[in-house]
Amino acid sequence: MKKNIHPKYYENAKVKCACGNKFTIGATVPEIKIEICSACHPFYTGKGKLVDTKGRVERFKKRLEKTVTLSVTPAPLSGAAKKSASRRIKKKR
């Protein structure tokens, strides 16, 4: 390895999570602050907690509600579509 080009390596770097969990790892910085760790991440805990970043979950839910209401509401039929629908009904009788 070349000398004086690599950053200093800290074998006992302290990691602090927003949930309060603390642990040590090897890193190139002495202290790391993170938002989510294995102790609070839904994949590892099995809890269905949503991690919302800048309101993206709410935006997705609003968009989903719009598509559901649009798919439930029938579209108005044009004149030709009304005629063909009435013909199909008459044929079934």
N, C-alpha and C. Protein backbone atom coordinates (compact mmCIF):
# COMPACT_ATOMS: atom_id res chain seq x y z
N MET A 1 0.84 -1.19 0.00
CA MET A 1 0.00 0.00 0.00
C MET A 1 0.88 1.24 0.00
N LYS A 2 0.39 2.26 -0.68
CA LYS A 2 1.13 3.52 -0.67
C LYS A 2 0.91 4.22 0.66
N LYS A 3 1.88 4.94 1.10
CA LYS A 3 1.75 5.66 2.37
C LYS A 3 1.14 7.04 2.15
N ASN A 4 0.43 7.51 3.16
CA ASN A 4 -0.17 8.86 3.23
C ASN A 4 -1.27 9.14 2.20
N ILE A 5 -1.90 8.11 1.65
CA ILE A 5 -3.03 8.36 0.75
C ILE A 5 -4.34 7.78 1.30
N HIS A 6 -4.24 6.91 2.30
CA HIS A 6 -5.42 6.28 2.85
C HIS A 6 -5.88 7.02 4.11
N PRO A 7 -7.21 7.09 4.33
CA PRO A 7 -7.69 7.75 5.56
C PRO A 7 -7.40 6.89 6.78
N LYS A 8 -7.42 7.53 7.92
CA LYS A 8 -7.15 6.82 9.17
C LYS A 8 -8.33 5.88 9.44
N TYR A 9 -8.03 4.68 9.90
CA TYR A 9 -9.05 3.67 10.18
C TYR A 9 -9.27 3.55 11.68
N TYR A 10 -10.52 3.71 12.12
CA TYR A 10 -10.87 3.60 13.53
C TYR A 10 -11.54 2.23 13.74
N GLU A 11 -10.91 1.37 14.52
CA GLU A 11 -11.46 0.04 14.75
C GLU A 11 -12.68 0.06 15.66
N ASN A 12 -12.78 1.05 16.53
CA ASN A 12 -13.90 1.14 17.45
C ASN A 12 -14.70 2.42 17.22
N ALA A 13 -15.17 2.60 16.00
CA ALA A 13 -16.00 3.77 15.69
C ALA A 13 -17.38 3.57 16.32
N LYS A 14 -17.90 4.62 16.97
CA LYS A 14 -19.18 4.53 17.65
C LYS A 14 -20.30 4.92 16.70
N VAL A 15 -21.36 4.09 16.67
CA VAL A 15 -22.52 4.34 15.83
C VAL A 15 -23.70 4.60 16.76
N LYS A 16 -24.42 5.72 16.51
CA LYS A 16 -25.60 6.07 17.31
C LYS A 16 -26.79 6.17 16.38
N CYS A 17 -27.85 5.42 16.72
CA CYS A 17 -29.08 5.43 15.92
C CYS A 17 -30.10 6.39 16.54
N ALA A 18 -31.05 6.84 15.75
CA ALA A 18 -32.09 7.73 16.24
C ALA A 18 -32.99 7.04 17.27
N CYS A 19 -33.07 5.71 17.21
CA CYS A 19 -33.90 4.97 18.17
C CYS A 19 -33.22 4.84 19.53
N GLY A 20 -31.93 5.18 19.62
CA GLY A 20 -31.20 5.09 20.87
C GLY A 20 -30.21 3.94 20.92
N ASN A 21 -30.22 3.10 19.92
CA ASN A 21 -29.29 1.97 19.88
C ASN A 21 -27.87 2.46 19.60
N LYS A 22 -26.88 1.88 20.29
CA LYS A 22 -25.47 2.24 20.11
C LYS A 22 -24.66 0.97 19.93
N PHE A 23 -23.71 1.01 19.01
CA PHE A 23 -22.80 -0.10 18.80
C PHE A 23 -21.52 0.41 18.16
N THR A 24 -20.50 -0.45 18.09
CA THR A 24 -19.22 -0.05 17.51
C THR A 24 -18.91 -0.90 16.28
N ILE A 25 -18.25 -0.26 15.31
CA ILE A 25 -17.83 -0.92 14.09
C ILE A 25 -16.48 -0.36 13.67
N GLY A 26 -15.91 -0.88 12.63
CA GLY A 26 -14.69 -0.32 12.06
C GLY A 26 -15.06 0.65 10.95
N ALA A 27 -14.49 1.85 10.96
CA ALA A 27 -14.83 2.86 9.96
C ALA A 27 -13.70 3.87 9.83
N THR A 28 -13.85 4.76 8.86
CA THR A 28 -12.83 5.79 8.65
C THR A 28 -13.18 7.09 9.37
N VAL A 29 -14.29 7.12 10.09
CA VAL A 29 -14.66 8.27 10.92
C VAL A 29 -14.88 7.77 12.35
N PRO A 30 -14.59 8.59 13.36
CA PRO A 30 -14.70 8.09 14.74
C PRO A 30 -16.13 7.95 15.25
N GLU A 31 -17.09 8.71 14.70
CA GLU A 31 -18.47 8.65 15.18
C GLU A 31 -19.43 8.79 14.01
N ILE A 32 -20.46 7.93 13.99
CA ILE A 32 -21.46 7.93 12.91
C ILE A 32 -22.84 8.04 13.53
N LYS A 33 -23.69 8.92 12.99
CA LYS A 33 -25.07 9.05 13.43
C LYS A 33 -25.97 8.59 12.28
N ILE A 34 -26.86 7.63 12.59
CA ILE A 34 -27.75 7.09 11.57
C ILE A 34 -29.20 7.25 12.00
N GLU A 35 -30.14 7.15 11.03
CA GLU A 35 -31.56 7.30 11.31
C GLU A 35 -32.24 5.98 11.63
N ILE A 36 -31.75 4.90 11.06
CA ILE A 36 -32.39 3.60 11.25
C ILE A 36 -31.32 2.51 11.29
N CYS A 37 -31.51 1.53 12.15
CA CYS A 37 -30.53 0.44 12.30
C CYS A 37 -31.26 -0.89 12.31
N SER A 38 -30.53 -1.96 12.53
CA SER A 38 -31.15 -3.29 12.54
C SER A 38 -32.09 -3.49 13.73
N ALA A 39 -31.92 -2.70 14.78
CA ALA A 39 -32.80 -2.83 15.95
C ALA A 39 -34.16 -2.19 15.73
N CYS A 40 -34.26 -1.22 14.80
CA CYS A 40 -35.54 -0.55 14.57
C CYS A 40 -36.05 -0.67 13.14
N HIS A 41 -35.30 -1.32 12.25
CA HIS A 41 -35.74 -1.47 10.86
C HIS A 41 -36.86 -2.50 10.76
N PRO A 42 -37.95 -2.19 10.02
CA PRO A 42 -39.09 -3.11 9.94
C PRO A 42 -38.74 -4.49 9.37
N PHE A 43 -37.77 -4.58 8.48
CA PHE A 43 -37.40 -5.87 7.91
C PHE A 43 -36.84 -6.80 8.98
N TYR A 44 -36.04 -6.27 9.88
CA TYR A 44 -35.41 -7.10 10.91
C TYR A 44 -36.32 -7.30 12.13
N THR A 45 -37.16 -6.33 12.45
CA THR A 45 -38.02 -6.44 13.63
C THR A 45 -39.32 -7.17 13.34
N GLY A 46 -39.79 -7.14 12.09
CA GLY A 46 -41.05 -7.77 11.74
C GLY A 46 -42.24 -6.88 11.98
N LYS A 47 -42.02 -5.67 12.42
CA LYS A 47 -43.11 -4.72 12.66
C LYS A 47 -43.37 -3.96 11.37
N GLY A 48 -44.63 -3.66 11.10
CA GLY A 48 -45.00 -2.97 9.86
C GLY A 48 -44.92 -1.47 9.98
N LYS A 49 -43.82 -0.95 10.42
CA LYS A 49 -43.65 0.49 10.59
C LYS A 49 -43.20 1.10 9.27
N LEU A 50 -43.83 2.19 8.85
CA LEU A 50 -43.43 2.88 7.64
C LEU A 50 -42.43 3.98 7.98
N VAL A 51 -41.36 4.02 7.24
CA VAL A 51 -40.37 5.06 7.42
C VAL A 51 -40.65 6.12 6.37
N ASP A 52 -41.18 7.26 6.80
CA ASP A 52 -41.62 8.29 5.87
C ASP A 52 -40.52 9.32 5.66
N THR A 53 -40.19 9.55 4.41
CA THR A 53 -39.19 10.53 4.06
C THR A 53 -39.86 11.64 3.26
N LYS A 54 -39.95 12.81 3.83
CA LYS A 54 -40.49 14.00 3.17
C LYS A 54 -41.92 13.82 2.69
N GLY A 55 -42.74 13.09 3.43
CA GLY A 55 -44.16 12.96 3.10
C GLY A 55 -44.46 12.10 1.89
N ARG A 56 -43.56 11.25 1.50
CA ARG A 56 -43.75 10.44 0.29
C ARG A 56 -44.83 9.38 0.48
N VAL A 57 -44.97 8.87 1.70
CA VAL A 57 -45.99 7.86 1.95
C VAL A 57 -47.37 8.48 1.80
N GLU A 58 -47.57 9.69 2.35
CA GLU A 58 -48.87 10.35 2.22
C GLU A 58 -49.18 10.66 0.76
N ARG A 59 -48.17 11.09 0.00
CA ARG A 59 -48.39 11.39 -1.42
C ARG A 59 -48.79 10.12 -2.17
N PHE A 60 -48.16 9.00 -1.84
CA PHE A 60 -48.51 7.75 -2.49
C PHE A 60 -49.94 7.34 -2.15
N LYS A 61 -50.33 7.49 -0.87
CA LYS A 61 -51.68 7.12 -0.46
C LYS A 61 -52.72 7.99 -1.16
N LYS A 62 -52.46 9.29 -1.31
CA LYS A 62 -53.38 10.17 -2.02
C LYS A 62 -53.53 9.75 -3.46
N ARG A 63 -52.42 9.43 -4.11
CA ARG A 63 -52.45 9.01 -5.50
C ARG A 63 -53.21 7.69 -5.64
N LEU A 64 -53.03 6.78 -4.68
CA LEU A 64 -53.72 5.50 -4.71
C LEU A 64 -55.22 5.70 -4.54
N GLU A 65 -55.64 6.62 -3.66
CA GLU A 65 -57.06 6.90 -3.47
C GLU A 65 -57.68 7.44 -4.75
N LYS A 66 -56.96 8.28 -5.47
CA LYS A 66 -57.48 8.82 -6.73
C LYS A 66 -57.71 7.71 -7.74
N THR A 67 -56.77 6.78 -7.86
CA THR A 67 -56.93 5.71 -8.84
C THR A 67 -58.06 4.78 -8.46
N VAL A 68 -58.27 4.55 -7.17
CA VAL A 68 -59.35 3.68 -6.74
C VAL A 68 -60.70 4.34 -7.04
N THR A 69 -60.83 5.63 -6.76
CA THR A 69 -62.10 6.30 -7.02
C THR A 69 -62.36 6.41 -8.52
N LEU A 70 -61.32 6.58 -9.32
CA LEU A 70 -61.50 6.64 -10.76
C LEU A 70 -61.92 5.29 -11.32
N SER A 71 -61.37 4.22 -10.81
CA SER A 71 -61.71 2.90 -11.33
C SER A 71 -63.11 2.47 -10.90
N VAL A 72 -63.61 2.95 -9.76
CA VAL A 72 -64.94 2.60 -9.29
C VAL A 72 -66.00 3.39 -10.05
N THR A 73 -65.74 4.62 -10.39
CA THR A 73 -66.70 5.47 -11.08
C THR A 73 -66.73 5.07 -12.56
N PRO A 74 -67.94 4.68 -13.09
CA PRO A 74 -68.00 4.31 -14.50
C PRO A 74 -67.88 5.53 -15.40
N ALA A 75 -67.26 5.34 -16.53
CA ALA A 75 -67.11 6.43 -17.49
C ALA A 75 -68.42 6.62 -18.24
N PRO A 76 -68.78 7.85 -18.59
CA PRO A 76 -70.02 8.07 -19.34
C PRO A 76 -69.89 7.46 -20.74
N LEU A 77 -71.00 6.85 -21.20
CA LEU A 77 -70.99 6.20 -22.51
C LEU A 77 -71.27 7.21 -23.61
N SER A 78 -70.65 7.00 -24.75
CA SER A 78 -70.93 7.85 -25.90
C SER A 78 -72.22 7.34 -26.57
N GLY A 79 -72.70 8.05 -27.57
CA GLY A 79 -73.94 7.67 -28.24
C GLY A 79 -73.86 6.30 -28.88
N ALA A 80 -72.76 6.01 -29.56
CA ALA A 80 -72.60 4.71 -30.22
C ALA A 80 -72.51 3.59 -29.18
N ALA A 81 -71.84 3.83 -28.09
CA ALA A 81 -71.70 2.82 -27.05
C ALA A 81 -73.05 2.52 -26.40
N LYS A 82 -73.89 3.55 -26.24
CA LYS A 82 -75.22 3.34 -25.66
C LYS A 82 -76.07 2.47 -26.58
N LYS A 83 -75.98 2.72 -27.88
CA LYS A 83 -76.77 1.94 -28.85
C LYS A 83 -76.35 0.48 -28.84
N SER A 84 -75.05 0.23 -28.84
CA SER A 84 -74.59 -1.15 -28.86
C SER A 84 -74.93 -1.86 -27.56
N ALA A 85 -74.88 -1.15 -26.43
CA ALA A 85 -75.25 -1.75 -25.16
C ALA A 85 -76.73 -2.09 -25.14
N SER A 86 -77.57 -1.19 -25.67
CA SER A 86 -79.01 -1.48 -25.68
C SER A 86 -79.32 -2.63 -26.62
N ARG A 87 -78.58 -2.78 -27.74
CA ARG A 87 -78.77 -3.90 -28.66
C ARG A 87 -78.41 -5.22 -27.98
N ARG A 88 -77.33 -5.23 -27.22
CA ARG A 88 -76.93 -6.45 -26.52
C ARG A 88 -77.98 -6.85 -25.49
N ILE A 89 -78.57 -5.88 -24.84
CA ILE A 89 -79.59 -6.17 -23.84
C ILE A 89 -80.82 -6.76 -24.52
N LYS A 90 -81.21 -6.19 -25.67
CA LYS A 90 -82.39 -6.69 -26.39
C LYS A 90 -82.16 -8.11 -26.90
N LYS A 91 -80.93 -8.44 -27.35
CA LYS A 91 -80.63 -9.78 -27.84
C LYS A 91 -80.70 -10.81 -26.73
N LYS A 92 -80.31 -10.44 -25.50
CA LYS A 92 -80.32 -11.37 -24.38
C LYS A 92 -81.75 -11.71 -23.96
N ARG A 93 -82.72 -10.83 -24.23
CA ARG A 93 -84.12 -11.08 -23.80
C ARG A 93 -84.73 -12.06 -24.68
